[in-house]
């Protein structure tokens, strides 16, 4: 995935990737690749327990609000279909409504006003 990220972003001098502390993000087999001088990917690890900083955890929260809270599904298949429907239909259609909940800590409001301090 990281190689594909570099390949698909040839103009980026550095590609910052924020990850949780899952063991596979620290895999020994990954270290030589990351330490290679031509690598443009830089991993940033979130604190050990900070789900509020992790966009995927926020997305799961939105999904649960939409699919499971105050709802009952008679069968597992109905429950599964509701989750698939959320990701296939609701999320793309309502992304502008959900976006700030999922990504507000990571969004650049204006590239002209963006500065690294």
Protein backbone atom coordinates (compact mmCIF):
# COMPACT_ATOMS: atom_id res chain seq x y z
CA UNK A 1 0.00 0.00 0.00
CA UNK A 2 2.78 2.44 0.87
CA UNK A 3 4.54 1.75 -2.44
CA UNK A 4 1.29 2.41 -4.29
CA UNK A 5 0.85 5.62 -2.31
CA UNK A 6 4.27 6.82 -3.45
CA UNK A 7 3.68 5.70 -7.03
CA UNK A 8 0.32 7.51 -7.22
CA UNK A 9 1.74 10.75 -5.77
CA UNK A 10 4.91 11.38 -7.78
CA UNK A 11 4.99 15.14 -7.13
CA UNK A 12 4.88 14.88 -3.34
CA UNK A 13 8.26 15.22 -1.67
CA UNK A 14 6.97 13.79 1.61
CA UNK A 15 3.84 11.75 2.21
CA UNK A 16 2.68 11.81 5.83
CA UNK A 17 0.69 8.75 6.90
CA UNK A 18 -0.98 8.71 10.31
CA UNK A 19 -1.39 5.23 11.76
CA UNK A 20 -2.39 3.63 15.02
CA UNK A 21 0.00 1.49 17.02
CA UNK A 22 -1.08 -1.84 15.58
CA UNK A 23 1.81 -4.32 15.62
CA UNK A 24 1.92 -4.64 11.83
CA UNK A 25 2.75 -0.91 11.53
CA UNK A 26 5.92 -1.66 13.52
CA UNK A 27 6.83 -4.86 11.64
CA UNK A 28 10.57 -5.49 11.30
CA UNK A 29 10.12 -6.37 7.64
CA UNK A 30 8.77 -2.84 7.02
CA UNK A 31 11.65 -0.97 8.67
CA UNK A 32 14.30 -1.36 5.92
CA UNK A 33 11.81 -0.13 3.34
CA UNK A 34 10.85 2.91 5.45
CA UNK A 35 14.50 3.71 6.25
CA UNK A 36 15.57 3.67 2.62
CA UNK A 37 16.77 7.16 1.53
CA UNK A 38 14.48 7.29 -1.51
CA UNK A 39 11.33 6.74 0.58
CA UNK A 40 8.95 9.67 0.73
CA UNK A 41 6.50 8.06 3.16
CA UNK A 42 6.79 9.16 6.77
CA UNK A 43 4.74 7.28 9.35
CA UNK A 44 3.31 9.18 12.31
CA UNK A 45 1.99 7.07 15.17
CA UNK A 46 -1.08 8.15 17.09
CA UNK A 47 -0.92 7.87 20.88
CA UNK A 48 -1.46 4.34 22.18
CA UNK A 49 -5.08 4.97 23.07
CA UNK A 50 -6.53 7.95 21.26
CA UNK A 51 -9.55 6.79 19.26
CA UNK A 52 -10.81 10.37 19.06
CA UNK A 53 -7.75 11.17 16.90
CA UNK A 54 -8.21 8.19 14.59
CA UNK A 55 -10.48 8.96 11.62
CA UNK A 56 -11.48 5.32 11.16
CA UNK A 57 -12.72 5.19 14.76
CA UNK A 58 -14.74 8.34 14.10
CA UNK A 59 -16.18 6.77 10.95
CA UNK A 60 -17.20 3.67 12.92
CA UNK A 61 -18.94 6.00 15.37
CA UNK A 62 -20.90 7.68 12.56
CA UNK A 63 -21.80 4.27 11.15
CA UNK A 64 -23.03 3.08 14.56
CA UNK A 65 -25.10 6.24 15.04
CA UNK A 66 -26.68 5.71 11.63
CA UNK A 67 -27.10 1.92 11.63
CA UNK A 68 -27.33 0.56 15.17
CA UNK A 69 -28.50 3.25 17.60
CA UNK A 70 -32.21 2.88 18.43
CA UNK A 71 -32.68 0.31 15.67
CA UNK A 72 -33.53 -3.37 15.72
CA UNK A 73 -32.85 -5.89 12.98
CA UNK A 74 -34.78 -9.15 13.05
CA UNK A 75 -32.02 -11.08 11.31
CA UNK A 76 -28.26 -10.93 10.98
CA UNK A 77 -28.69 -10.56 7.20
CA UNK A 78 -30.82 -7.44 7.70
CA UNK A 79 -28.17 -6.01 10.03
CA UNK A 80 -25.40 -6.80 7.53
CA UNK A 81 -27.37 -5.24 4.68
CA UNK A 82 -27.92 -2.08 6.74
CA UNK A 83 -24.17 -1.74 7.28
CA UNK A 84 -23.39 -2.36 3.60
CA UNK A 85 -26.08 0.16 2.62
CA UNK A 86 -24.50 2.75 4.90
CA UNK A 87 -21.06 2.35 3.28
CA UNK A 88 -22.31 1.93 -0.30
CA UNK A 89 -25.06 4.55 -0.38
CA UNK A 90 -25.52 6.72 2.70
CA UNK A 91 -21.87 7.59 3.29
CA UNK A 92 -21.17 8.77 -0.29
CA UNK A 93 -24.46 10.68 -0.49
CA UNK A 94 -24.14 12.35 2.91
CA UNK A 95 -20.35 12.75 3.07
CA UNK A 96 -20.55 16.58 3.30
CA UNK A 97 -22.74 16.10 6.40
CA UNK A 98 -20.42 13.49 7.96
CA UNK A 99 -17.04 14.91 6.87
CA UNK A 100 -16.43 17.28 9.79
CA UNK A 101 -17.26 14.59 12.34
CA UNK A 102 -14.80 12.16 10.77
CA UNK A 103 -11.94 14.43 9.71
CA UNK A 104 -12.10 17.80 11.48
CA UNK A 105 -8.67 17.44 13.13
CA UNK A 106 -6.98 16.76 9.80
CA UNK A 107 -8.66 19.11 7.35
CA UNK A 108 -6.90 22.07 5.72
CA UNK A 109 -9.43 24.87 5.44
CA UNK A 110 -7.48 26.95 2.93
CA UNK A 111 -4.24 26.01 1.21
CA UNK A 112 -3.37 29.72 0.88
CA UNK A 113 -3.59 30.17 4.66
CA UNK A 114 -1.87 26.85 5.51
CA UNK A 115 1.57 27.24 7.07
CA UNK A 116 3.93 24.82 8.74
CA UNK A 117 5.14 26.42 11.95
